[in-house]
PDB file of N, CA and C in Angstrom:
ATOM      1  N   UNK A   1       0.899  -1.078  -0.046  1.00  0.00           N
ATOM      2  CA  UNK A   1       0.006   0.043  -0.063  1.00  0.00           C
ATOM      3  C   UNK A   1       0.858   1.323  -0.058  1.00  0.00           C
ATOM      4  N   UNK A   2       0.480   2.330  -0.902  1.00  0.00           N
ATOM      5  CA  UNK A   2       1.322   3.458  -0.918  1.00  0.00           C
ATOM      6  C   UNK A   2       0.510   4.561   0.060  1.00  0.00           C
ATOM      7  N   UNK A   3       1.309   5.753   0.335  1.00  0.00           N
ATOM      8  CA  UNK A   3       0.655   6.761   1.067  1.00  0.00           C
ATOM      9  C   UNK A   3      -0.591   7.276   0.347  1.00  0.00           C
ATOM     10  N   UNK A   4      -0.455   7.232  -1.034  1.00  0.00           N
ATOM     11  CA  UNK A   4      -1.592   7.702  -1.742  1.00  0.00           C
ATOM     12  C   UNK A   4      -2.901   6.753  -1.616  1.00  0.00           C
ATOM     13  N   UNK A   5      -2.669   5.300  -1.334  1.00  0.00           N
ATOM     14  CA  UNK A   5      -3.558   4.404  -1.226  1.00  0.00           C
ATOM     15  C   UNK A   5      -4.279   4.656   0.095  1.00  0.00           C
ATOM     16  N   UNK A   6      -3.391   4.872   1.155  1.00  0.00           N
ATOM     17  CA  UNK A   6      -3.976   5.081   2.593  1.00  0.00           C
ATOM     18  C   UNK A   6      -4.589   6.281   2.628  1.00  0.00           C
ATOM     19  N   UNK A   7      -4.313   7.387   1.924  1.00  0.00           N
ATOM     20  CA  UNK A   7      -5.021   8.618   1.844  1.00  0.00           C
ATOM     21  C   UNK A   7      -6.443   8.669   1.396  1.00  0.00           C
ATOM     22  N   UNK A   8      -6.450   7.854   0.467  1.00  0.00           N
ATOM     23  CA  UNK A   8      -7.831   7.502  -0.365  1.00  0.00           C
ATOM     24  C   UNK A   8      -8.584   6.557   0.580  1.00  0.00           C
ATOM     25  N   UNK A   9      -8.116   5.633   1.032  1.00  0.00           N
ATOM     26  CA  UNK A   9      -8.695   4.799   2.029  1.00  0.00           C
ATOM     27  C   UNK A   9      -9.257   5.555   3.278  1.00  0.00           C
ATOM     28  N   UNK A  10      -8.601   6.504   3.576  1.00  0.00           N
ATOM     29  CA  UNK A  10      -8.976   7.410   4.827  1.00  0.00           C
ATOM     30  C   UNK A  10     -10.189   8.325   4.392  1.00  0.00           C
ATOM     31  N   UNK A  11     -10.059   8.861   3.064  1.00  0.00           N
ATOM     32  CA  UNK A  11     -11.071   9.544   2.528  1.00  0.00           C
ATOM     33  C   UNK A  11     -12.401   8.796   2.435  1.00  0.00           C
ATOM     34  N   UNK A  12     -12.411   7.678   1.701  1.00  0.00           N
ATOM     35  CA  UNK A  12     -13.395   6.903   1.617  1.00  0.00           C
ATOM     36  C   UNK A  12     -13.999   6.416   2.903  1.00  0.00           C
ATOM     37  N   UNK A  13     -13.263   6.155   4.081  1.00  0.00           N
ATOM     38  CA  UNK A  13     -13.691   5.774   5.308  1.00  0.00           C
ATOM     39  C   UNK A  13     -14.595   7.025   5.946  1.00  0.00           C
ATOM     40  N   UNK A  14     -13.996   8.284   5.825  1.00  0.00           N
ATOM     41  CA  UNK A  14     -14.732   9.534   6.375  1.00  0.00           C
ATOM     42  C   UNK A  14     -15.994   9.621   5.598  1.00  0.00           C
ATOM     43  N   UNK A  15     -15.949   9.448   4.214  1.00  0.00           N
ATOM     44  CA  UNK A  15     -17.063   9.620   3.448  1.00  0.00           C
ATOM     45  C   UNK A  15     -18.263   8.711   3.815  1.00  0.00           C
ATOM     46  N   UNK A  16     -17.973   7.412   3.938  1.00  0.00           N
ATOM     47  CA  UNK A  16     -18.883   6.394   4.232  1.00  0.00           C
ATOM     48  C   UNK A  16     -19.688   6.554   5.593  1.00  0.00           C
ATOM     49  N   UNK A  17     -18.962   7.425   6.344  1.00  0.00           N
ATOM     50  CA  UNK A  17     -19.774   7.735   7.591  1.00  0.00           C
ATOM     51  C   UNK A  17     -19.945   9.191   7.934  1.00  0.00           C
ATOM     52  N   UNK A  18     -19.985   9.963   6.736  1.00  0.00           N
ATOM     53  CA  UNK A  18     -20.452  11.348   6.739  1.00  0.00           C
ATOM     54  C   UNK A  18     -19.661  12.124   7.745  1.00  0.00           C
ATOM     55  N   UNK A  19     -18.367  12.025   7.834  1.00  0.00           N
ATOM     56  CA  UNK A  19     -17.430  12.548   8.657  1.00  0.00           C
ATOM     57  C   UNK A  19     -16.795  13.756   8.267  1.00  0.00           C
ATOM     58  N   UNK A  20     -16.876  14.009   7.039  1.00  0.00           N
ATOM     59  CA  UNK A  20     -16.338  15.234   6.322  1.00  0.00           C
ATOM     60  C   UNK A  20     -16.482  16.464   7.144  1.00  0.00           C
ATOM     61  N   UNK A  21     -17.703  16.747   7.545  1.00  0.00           N
ATOM     62  CA  UNK A  21     -17.950  18.105   8.112  1.00  0.00           C
ATOM     63  C   UNK A  21     -17.292  18.301   9.418  1.00  0.00           C
ATOM     64  N   UNK A  22     -16.780  17.116   9.966  1.00  0.00           N
ATOM     65  CA  UNK A  22     -16.131  17.100  11.230  1.00  0.00           C
ATOM     66  C   UNK A  22     -14.608  17.058  11.206  1.00  0.00           C
ATOM     67  N   UNK A  23     -13.994  16.829   9.928  1.00  0.00           N
ATOM     68  CA  UNK A  23     -12.756  16.624   9.783  1.00  0.00           C
ATOM     69  C   UNK A  23     -12.140  17.929   9.240  1.00  0.00           C
ATOM     70  N   UNK A  24     -12.351  18.970  10.180  1.00  0.00           N
ATOM     71  CA  UNK A  24     -11.709  20.302   9.983  1.00  0.00           C
ATOM     72  C   UNK A  24     -10.383  20.296  10.432  1.00  0.00           C
ATOM     73  N   UNK A  25      -9.458  21.265   9.892  1.00  0.00           N
ATOM     74  CA  UNK A  25      -8.144  21.367  10.351  1.00  0.00           C
ATOM     75  C   UNK A  25      -7.901  21.490  11.824  1.00  0.00           C
ATOM     76  N   UNK A  26      -8.962  22.085  12.375  1.00  0.00           N
ATOM     77  CA  UNK A  26      -8.761  22.263  13.921  1.00  0.00           C
ATOM     78  C   UNK A  26      -9.164  20.990  14.577  1.00  0.00           C
ATOM     79  N   UNK A  27     -10.139  20.347  14.180  1.00  0.00           N
ATOM     80  CA  UNK A  27     -10.512  18.924  14.873  1.00  0.00           C
ATOM     81  C   UNK A  27      -9.485  18.046  14.617  1.00  0.00           C
ATOM     82  N   UNK A  28      -9.086  17.859  13.429  1.00  0.00           N
ATOM     83  CA  UNK A  28      -8.017  16.881  13.115  1.00  0.00           C
ATOM     84  C   UNK A  28      -6.778  17.183  13.907  1.00  0.00           C
ATOM     85  N   UNK A  29      -6.341  18.495  14.044  1.00  0.00           N
ATOM     86  CA  UNK A  29      -5.151  18.778  14.818  1.00  0.00           C
ATOM     87  C   UNK A  29      -5.387  18.416  16.195  1.00  0.00           C
ATOM     88  N   UNK A  30      -6.585  18.670  16.740  1.00  0.00           N
ATOM     89  CA  UNK A  30      -6.737  18.356  18.222  1.00  0.00           C
ATOM     90  C   UNK A  30      -6.848  16.697  18.320  1.00  0.00           C
ATOM     91  N   UNK A  31      -7.353  16.092  17.494  1.00  0.00           N
ATOM     92  CA  UNK A  31      -7.361  14.661  17.498  1.00  0.00           C
ATOM     93  C   UNK A  31      -6.066  14.087  17.383  1.00  0.00           C
ATOM     94  N   UNK A  32      -5.231  14.676  16.486  1.00  0.00           N
ATOM     95  CA  UNK A  32      -3.842  14.153  16.519  1.00  0.00           C
ATOM     96  C   UNK A  32      -3.044  14.480  17.753  1.00  0.00           C
ATOM     97  N   UNK A  33      -3.294  15.547  18.349  1.00  0.00           N
ATOM     98  CA  UNK A  33      -2.627  16.014  19.602  1.00  0.00           C
ATOM     99  C   UNK A  33      -2.966  14.992  20.527  1.00  0.00           C
ATOM    100  N   UNK A  34      -4.243  14.685  20.694  1.00  0.00           N
ATOM    101  CA  UNK A  34      -4.684  13.699  21.678  1.00  0.00           C
ATOM    102  C   UNK A  34      -4.003  12.285  21.513  1.00  0.00           C
ATOM    103  N   UNK A  35      -4.031  12.040  20.240  1.00  0.00           N
ATOM    104  CA  UNK A  35      -3.272  10.633  19.939  1.00  0.00           C
ATOM    105  C   UNK A  35      -1.790  10.578  20.135  1.00  0.00           C
ATOM    106  N   UNK A  36      -1.194  11.690  20.039  1.00  0.00           N
ATOM    107  CA  UNK A  36       0.389  11.921  20.501  1.00  0.00           C
ATOM    108  C   UNK A  36       0.260  11.765  21.867  1.00  0.00           C
ATOM    109  N   UNK A  37      -0.571  12.462  22.834  1.00  0.00           N
ATOM    110  CA  UNK A  37      -0.720  12.453  24.188  1.00  0.00           C
ATOM    111  C   UNK A  37      -0.797  10.853  24.705  1.00  0.00           C
ATOM    112  N   UNK A  38      -1.540  10.137  24.033  1.00  0.00           N
ATOM    113  CA  UNK A  38      -1.677   8.707  24.375  1.00  0.00           C
ATOM    114  C   UNK A  38      -0.518   7.892  24.243  1.00  0.00           C
ATOM    115  N   UNK A  39       0.226   8.277  22.898  1.00  0.00           N
ATOM    116  CA  UNK A  39       1.540   7.582  22.894  1.00  0.00           C
ATOM    117  C   UNK A  39       2.470   7.986  23.835  1.00  0.00           C
ATOM    118  N   UNK A  40       2.535   9.382  24.186  1.00  0.00           N
ATOM    119  CA  UNK A  40       3.348   9.741  25.247  1.00  0.00           C
ATOM    120  C   UNK A  40       3.121   8.921  26.558  1.00  0.00           C
ATOM    121  N   UNK A  41       1.950   8.827  26.711  1.00  0.00           N
ATOM    122  CA  UNK A  41       1.537   8.261  28.161  1.00  0.00           C
ATOM    123  C   UNK A  41       2.204   6.968  28.286  1.00  0.00           C
ATOM    124  N   UNK A  42       2.414   6.302  27.093  1.00  0.00           N
ATOM    125  CA  UNK A  42       2.895   4.783  27.209  1.00  0.00           C
ATOM    126  C   UNK A  42       4.525   4.724  27.666  1.00  0.00           C
ATOM    127  N   UNK A  43       4.984   5.849  27.391  1.00  0.00           N
ATOM    128  CA  UNK A  43       6.447   5.875  28.012  1.00  0.00           C
ATOM    129  C   UNK A  43       6.738   6.964  29.037  1.00  0.00           C
ATOM    130  N   UNK A  44       5.817   7.632  29.361  1.00  0.00           N
ATOM    131  CA  UNK A  44       5.946   8.714  30.321  1.00  0.00           C
ATOM    132  C   UNK A  44       6.764   8.384  31.615  1.00  0.00           C
ATOM    133  N   UNK A  45       6.608   7.271  32.259  1.00  0.00           N
ATOM    134  CA  UNK A  45       7.105   7.152  33.468  1.00  0.00           C
ATOM    135  C   UNK A  45       8.154   5.931  33.481  1.00  0.00           C
ATOM    136  N   UNK A  46       8.397   5.784  32.267  1.00  0.00           N
ATOM    137  CA  UNK A  46       9.646   4.524  32.087  1.00  0.00           C
ATOM    138  C   UNK A  46      10.961   4.958  32.307  1.00  0.00           C
ATOM    139  N   UNK A  47      11.816   4.211  32.861  1.00  0.00           N
ATOM    140  CA  UNK A  47      13.065   4.533  33.016  1.00  0.00           C
ATOM    141  C   UNK A  47      13.690   4.265  31.434  1.00  0.00           C
ATOM    142  N   UNK A  48      14.864   5.128  31.172  1.00  0.00           N
ATOM    143  CA  UNK A  48      15.455   4.815  29.665  1.00  0.00           C
ATOM    144  C   UNK A  48      15.444   3.347  29.376  1.00  0.00           C
ATOM    145  N   UNK A  49      16.032   2.677  30.373  1.00  0.00           N
ATOM    146  CA  UNK A  49      16.162   0.958  29.978  1.00  0.00           C
ATOM    147  C   UNK A  49      14.627   0.559  29.600  1.00  0.00           C
ATOM    148  N   UNK A  50      13.640   0.826  30.563  1.00  0.00           N
ATOM    149  CA  UNK A  50      12.374   0.288  30.333  1.00  0.00           C
ATOM    150  C   UNK A  50      11.828   0.698  28.891  1.00  0.00           C
ATOM    151  N   UNK A  51      11.983   1.938  28.431  1.00  0.00           N
ATOM    152  CA  UNK A  51      11.692   2.548  27.193  1.00  0.00           C
ATOM    153  C   UNK A  51      12.372   1.941  26.157  1.00  0.00           C
ATOM    154  N   UNK A  52      13.616   1.669  26.393  1.00  0.00           N
ATOM    155  CA  UNK A  52      14.330   1.058  25.111  1.00  0.00           C
ATOM    156  C   UNK A  52      13.909  -0.529  25.005  1.00  0.00           C
ATOM    157  N   UNK A  53      13.353  -1.150  26.044  1.00  0.00           N
ATOM    158  CA  UNK A  53      12.861  -2.628  25.976  1.00  0.00           C
ATOM    159  C   UNK A  53      11.488  -2.631  25.899  1.00  0.00           C
ATOM    160  N   UNK A  54      10.593  -1.599  25.276  1.00  0.00           N
ATOM    161  CA  UNK A  54       9.076  -1.510  25.129  1.00  0.00           C
ATOM    162  C   UNK A  54       8.443  -2.742  24.767  1.00  0.00           C
ATOM    163  N   UNK A  55       9.202  -3.453  23.973  1.00  0.00           N
ATOM    164  CA  UNK A  55       8.546  -4.742  23.302  1.00  0.00           C
ATOM    165  C   UNK A  55       8.628  -5.842  24.198  1.00  0.00           C
ATOM    166  N   UNK A  56       9.191  -5.852  25.408  1.00  0.00           N
ATOM    167  CA  UNK A  56       9.263  -6.774  26.429  1.00  0.00           C
ATOM    168  C   UNK A  56       7.821  -6.975  26.998  1.00  0.00           C
ATOM    169  N   UNK A  57       7.052  -6.041  27.108  1.00  0.00           N
ATOM    170  CA  UNK A  57       5.575  -6.039  27.363  1.00  0.00           C
ATOM    171  C   UNK A  57       4.562  -6.233  26.475  1.00  0.00           C
ATOM    172  N   UNK A  58       4.130  -7.380  26.166  1.00  0.00           N
ATOM    173  CA  UNK A  58       3.163  -7.455  25.021  1.00  0.00           C
ATOM    174  C   UNK A  58       2.148  -6.551  24.789  1.00  0.00           C
ATOM    175  N   UNK A  59       1.451  -6.135  26.081  1.00  0.00           N
ATOM    176  CA  UNK A  59       0.469  -5.255  26.171  1.00  0.00           C
ATOM    177  C   UNK A  59       0.990  -3.721  25.643  1.00  0.00           C
ATOM    178  N   UNK A  60       2.219  -3.545  26.173  1.00  0.00           N
ATOM    179  CA  UNK A  60       2.738  -2.030  25.793  1.00  0.00           C
ATOM    180  C   UNK A  60       3.075  -2.239  24.379  1.00  0.00           C
ATOM    181  N   UNK A  61       3.596  -3.307  23.938  1.00  0.00           N
ATOM    182  CA  UNK A  61       3.981  -3.466  22.356  1.00  0.00           C
ATOM    183  C   UNK A  61       2.684  -3.113  21.582  1.00  0.00           C
ATOM    184  N   UNK A  62       1.575  -3.810  22.072  1.00  0.00           N
ATOM    185  CA  UNK A  62       0.299  -3.661  21.104  1.00  0.00           C
ATOM    186  C   UNK A  62      -0.063  -2.299  21.215  1.00  0.00           C
ATOM    187  N   UNK A  63      -0.042  -1.547  22.282  1.00  0.00           N
ATOM    188  CA  UNK A  63      -0.548  -0.170  22.555  1.00  0.00           C
ATOM    189  C   UNK A  63       0.328   0.885  21.848  1.00  0.00           C
ATOM    190  N   UNK A  64       1.713   0.549  21.820  1.00  0.00           N
ATOM    191  CA  UNK A  64       2.528   1.516  20.970  1.00  0.00           C
ATOM    192  C   UNK A  64       2.138   1.355  19.571  1.00  0.00           C
ATOM    193  N   UNK A  65       2.052   0.095  18.907  1.00  0.00           N
ATOM    194  CA  UNK A  65       1.722  -0.020  17.667  1.00  0.00           C
ATOM    195  C   UNK A  65       0.382   0.541  17.221  1.00  0.00           C
ATOM    196  N   UNK A  66      -0.645   0.424  18.221  1.00  0.00           N
ATOM    197  CA  UNK A  66      -1.856   1.054  17.836  1.00  0.00           C
ATOM    198  C   UNK A  66      -1.783   2.733  17.977  1.00  0.00           C
ATOM    199  N   UNK A  67      -1.010   3.316  18.973  1.00  0.00           N
ATOM    200  CA  UNK A  67      -1.034   4.772  19.033  1.00  0.00           C
ATOM    201  C   UNK A  67      -0.257   5.233  17.882  1.00  0.00           C
ATOM    202  N   UNK A  68       0.956   4.590  17.494  1.00  0.00           N
ATOM    203  CA  UNK A  68       1.775   5.049  16.357  1.00  0.00           C
ATOM    204  C   UNK A  68       0.725   5.197  15.135  1.00  0.00           C
ATOM    205  N   UNK A  69      -0.179   4.083  15.011  1.00  0.00           N
ATOM    206  CA  UNK A  69      -1.037   3.999  13.822  1.00  0.00           C
ATOM    207  C   UNK A  69      -1.957   5.077  14.045  1.00  0.00           C
ATOM    208  N   UNK A  70      -2.600   5.405  15.227  1.00  0.00           N
ATOM    209  CA  UNK A  70      -3.521   6.499  15.136  1.00  0.00           C
ATOM    210  C   UNK A  70      -2.837   7.878  14.908  1.00  0.00           C
ATOM    211  N   UNK A  71      -1.644   8.119  15.200  1.00  0.00           N
ATOM    212  CA  UNK A  71      -1.079   9.348  14.797  1.00  0.00           C
ATOM    213  C   UNK A  71      -0.782   9.379  13.589  1.00  0.00           C
ATOM    214  N   UNK A  72      -0.320   8.321  12.821  1.00  0.00           N
ATOM    215  CA  UNK A  72      -0.101   8.431  11.465  1.00  0.00           C
ATOM    216  C   UNK A  72      -1.342   8.731  10.649  1.00  0.00           C
ATOM    217  N   UNK A  73      -2.561   7.974  11.012  1.00  0.00           N
ATOM    218  CA  UNK A  73      -3.841   8.102  10.338  1.00  0.00           C
ATOM    219  C   UNK A  73      -4.332   9.578  10.688  1.00  0.00           C
ATOM    220  N   UNK A  74      -4.260  10.222  11.687  1.00  0.00           N
ATOM    221  CA  UNK A  74      -4.744  11.560  11.809  1.00  0.00           C
ATOM    222  C   UNK A  74      -3.831  12.364  11.067  1.00  0.00           C
ATOM    223  N   UNK A  75      -2.376  12.127  11.156  1.00  0.00           N
ATOM    224  CA  UNK A  75      -1.476  13.116  10.335  1.00  0.00           C
ATOM    225  C   UNK A  75      -2.048  13.010   8.810  1.00  0.00           C
ATOM    226  N   UNK A  76      -2.140  11.757   8.330  1.00  0.00           N
ATOM    227  CA  UNK A  76      -2.396  11.636   6.819  1.00  0.00           C
ATOM    228  C   UNK A  76      -3.613  12.260   6.525  1.00  0.00           C
ATOM    229  N   UNK A  77      -4.795  12.157   7.370  1.00  0.00           N
ATOM    230  CA  UNK A  77      -5.935  12.726   7.096  1.00  0.00           C
ATOM    231  C   UNK A  77      -6.012  14.300   7.090  1.00  0.00           C
ATOM    232  N   UNK A  78      -5.097  14.816   8.090  1.00  0.00           N
ATOM    233  CA  UNK A  78      -4.982  16.341   8.167  1.00  0.00           C
ATOM    234  C   UNK A  78      -4.276  16.860   6.861  1.00  0.00           C
ATOM    235  N   UNK A  79      -3.218  16.125   6.557  1.00  0.00           N
ATOM    236  CA  UNK A  79      -2.524  16.630   5.393  1.00  0.00           C
ATOM    237  C   UNK A  79      -3.435  16.469   4.216  1.00  0.00           C
ATOM    238  N   UNK A  80      -4.104  15.416   4.073  1.00  0.00           N
ATOM    239  CA  UNK A  80      -5.107  15.527   2.930  1.00  0.00           C
ATOM    240  C   UNK A  80      -6.205  16.570   2.995  1.00  0.00           C
ATOM    241  N   UNK A  81      -6.698  16.882   3.899  1.00  0.00           N
ATOM    242  CA  UNK A  81      -7.606  18.084   4.184  1.00  0.00           C
ATOM    243  C   UNK A  81      -6.941  19.379   3.769  1.00  0.00           C
ATOM    244  N   UNK A  82      -5.863  19.503   4.273  1.00  0.00           N
ATOM    245  CA  UNK A  82      -5.060  20.709   4.036  1.00  0.00           C
ATOM    246  C   UNK A  82      -4.445  20.730   2.568  1.00  0.00           C
ATOM    247  N   UNK A  83      -4.352  19.627   1.971  1.00  0.00           N
ATOM    248  CA  UNK A  83      -3.764  19.663   0.584  1.00  0.00           C
ATOM    249  C   UNK A  83      -2.447  19.554   0.605  1.00  0.00           C
ATOM    250  N   UNK A  84      -1.762  19.049   1.628  1.00  0.00           N
ATOM    251  CA  UNK A  84      -0.277  18.926   1.697  1.00  0.00           C
ATOM    252  C   UNK A  84       0.352  17.648   1.297  1.00  0.00           C
ATOM    253  N   UNK A  85       1.204  17.558   0.392  1.00  0.00           N
ATOM    254  CA  UNK A  85       1.805  16.286   0.076  1.00  0.00           C
ATOM    255  C   UNK A  85       2.843  15.902   1.207  1.00  0.00           C
ATOM    256  N   UNK A  86       2.599  14.912   2.039  1.00  0.00           N
ATOM    257  CA  UNK A  86       3.348  14.549   3.272  1.00  0.00           C
ATOM    258  C   UNK A  86       4.731  14.319   2.774  1.00  0.00           C
ATOM    259  N   UNK A  87       5.067  13.516   1.770  1.00  0.00           N
ATOM    260  CA  UNK A  87       6.418  13.057   1.390  1.00  0.00           C
ATOM    261  C   UNK A  87       7.205  14.349   0.801  1.00  0.00           C
ATOM    262  N   UNK A  88       6.350  15.343   0.096  1.00  0.00           N
ATOM    263  CA  UNK A  88       7.066  16.382  -0.198  1.00  0.00           C
ATOM    264  C   UNK A  88       7.428  17.359   0.809  1.00  0.00           C
ATOM    265  N   UNK A  89       6.616  17.486   1.660  1.00  0.00           N
ATOM    266  CA  UNK A  89       6.791  18.295   2.901  1.00  0.00           C
ATOM    267  C   UNK A  89       7.866  17.867   3.865  1.00  0.00           C
ATOM    268  N   UNK A  90       7.871  16.484   3.980  1.00  0.00           N
ATOM    269  CA  UNK A  90       8.759  15.922   4.858  1.00  0.00           C
ATOM    270  C   UNK A  90      10.388  15.947   4.202  1.00  0.00           C
ATOM    271  N   UNK A  91      10.352  15.554   2.880  1.00  0.00           N
ATOM    272  CA  UNK A  91      11.726  15.769   2.121  1.00  0.00           C
ATOM    273  C   UNK A  91      12.247  17.151   2.231  1.00  0.00           C
ATOM    274  N   UNK A  92      11.236  18.350   1.979  1.00  0.00           N
ATOM    275  CA  UNK A  92      11.758  19.699   2.048  1.00  0.00           C
ATOM    276  C   UNK A  92      12.141  19.938   3.365  1.00  0.00           C
ATOM    277  N   UNK A  93      11.608  19.495   4.401  1.00  0.00           N
ATOM    278  CA  UNK A  93      12.063  19.542   5.878  1.00  0.00           C
ATOM    279  C   UNK A  93      13.399  19.020   6.092  1.00  0.00           C
ATOM    280  N   UNK A  94      13.704  17.826   5.735  1.00  0.00           N
ATOM    281  CA  UNK A  94      14.900  17.148   5.740  1.00  0.00           C
ATOM    282  C   UNK A  94      16.084  17.884   5.045  1.00  0.00           C
ATOM    283  N   UNK A  95      15.627  18.351   3.760  1.00  0.00           N
ATOM    284  CA  UNK A  95      16.479  19.148   2.968  1.00  0.00           C
ATOM    285  C   UNK A  95      16.986  20.381   3.960  1.00  0.00           C
ATOM    286  N   UNK A  96      16.045  21.197   4.532  1.00  0.00           N
ATOM    287  CA  UNK A  96      16.385  22.486   5.251  1.00  0.00           C
ATOM    288  C   UNK A  96      17.351  21.915   6.492  1.00  0.00           C
ATOM    289  N   UNK A  97      16.863  20.820   7.187  1.00  0.00           N
ATOM    290  CA  UNK A  97      17.687  20.354   8.401  1.00  0.00           C
ATOM    291  C   UNK A  97      19.021  20.065   7.968  1.00  0.00           C
ATOM    292  N   UNK A  98      19.225  19.547   6.839  1.00  0.00           N
ATOM    293  CA  UNK A  98      20.617  19.136   6.377  1.00  0.00           C
ATOM    294  C   UNK A  98      21.603  20.366   6.366  1.00  0.00           C
ATOM    295  N   UNK A  99      20.842  21.450   5.981  1.00  0.00           N
ATOM    296  CA  UNK A  99      21.563  22.821   5.767  1.00  0.00           C
ATOM    297  C   UNK A  99      21.665  23.462   7.114  1.00  0.00           C
ATOM    298  N   UNK A 100      20.785  23.392   7.940  1.00  0.00           N
ATOM    299  CA  UNK A 100      20.868  23.913   9.481  1.00  0.00           C
ATOM    300  C   UNK A 100      21.622  23.054  10.376  1.00  0.00           C
ATOM    301  N   UNK A 101      21.815  22.021  10.252  1.00  0.00           N
ATOM    302  CA  UNK A 101      22.594  20.986  11.097  1.00  0.00           C
ATOM    303  C   UNK A 101      23.639  20.256  10.182  1.00  0.00           C
ATOM    304  N   UNK A 102      24.752  20.765   9.959  1.00  0.00           N
ATOM    305  CA  UNK A 102      25.806  19.936   9.206  1.00  0.00           C
ATOM    306  C   UNK A 102      26.229  18.702   9.980  1.00  0.00           C
ATOM    307  N   UNK A 103      26.755  17.804   9.098  1.00  0.00           N
ATOM    308  CA  UNK A 103      27.314  16.552   9.804  1.00  0.00           C
ATOM    309  C   UNK A 103      28.331  16.887  10.711  1.00  0.00           C
ATOM    310  N   UNK A 104      28.730  16.122  11.668  1.00  0.00           N
ATOM    311  CA  UNK A 104      29.764  16.297  12.636  1.00  0.00           C
ATOM    312  C   UNK A 104      31.276  16.140  11.826  1.00  0.00           C
ATOM    313  N   UNK A 105      32.089  16.794  12.100  1.00  0.00           N
ATOM    314  CA  UNK A 105      33.395  16.559  11.579  1.00  0.00           C
ATOM    315  C   UNK A 105      34.064  15.476  12.300  1.00  0.00           C
ATOM    316  N   UNK A 106      34.467  14.649  11.596  1.00  0.00           N
ATOM    317  CA  UNK A 106      35.048  13.309  12.157  1.00  0.00           C
ATOM    318  C   UNK A 106      36.527  13.169  11.974  1.00  0.00           C
TER     319      UNK A 106
END
């Protein structure tokens, strides 16, 4: 599946439920923020060692996968509603970061 396929699947999902009126930039941004908060909560009180071994707990592993998916789905939907090509935007940002943060001299 490509990012375009996923975008279309999310459009179809929203349309089939008549959710488009609710998928405003404000609402999608707030939902995205909430999902990021849920992802944060899975790691919030862990030690660095526990966080590095997050897969050791099957429930945590499932929940991390689930919340990462929620974050991605809301981000893809938001970008679609805003008319932003995610891959283009991400590559442009990496290009800018490569200029802002040159590699370390070794």
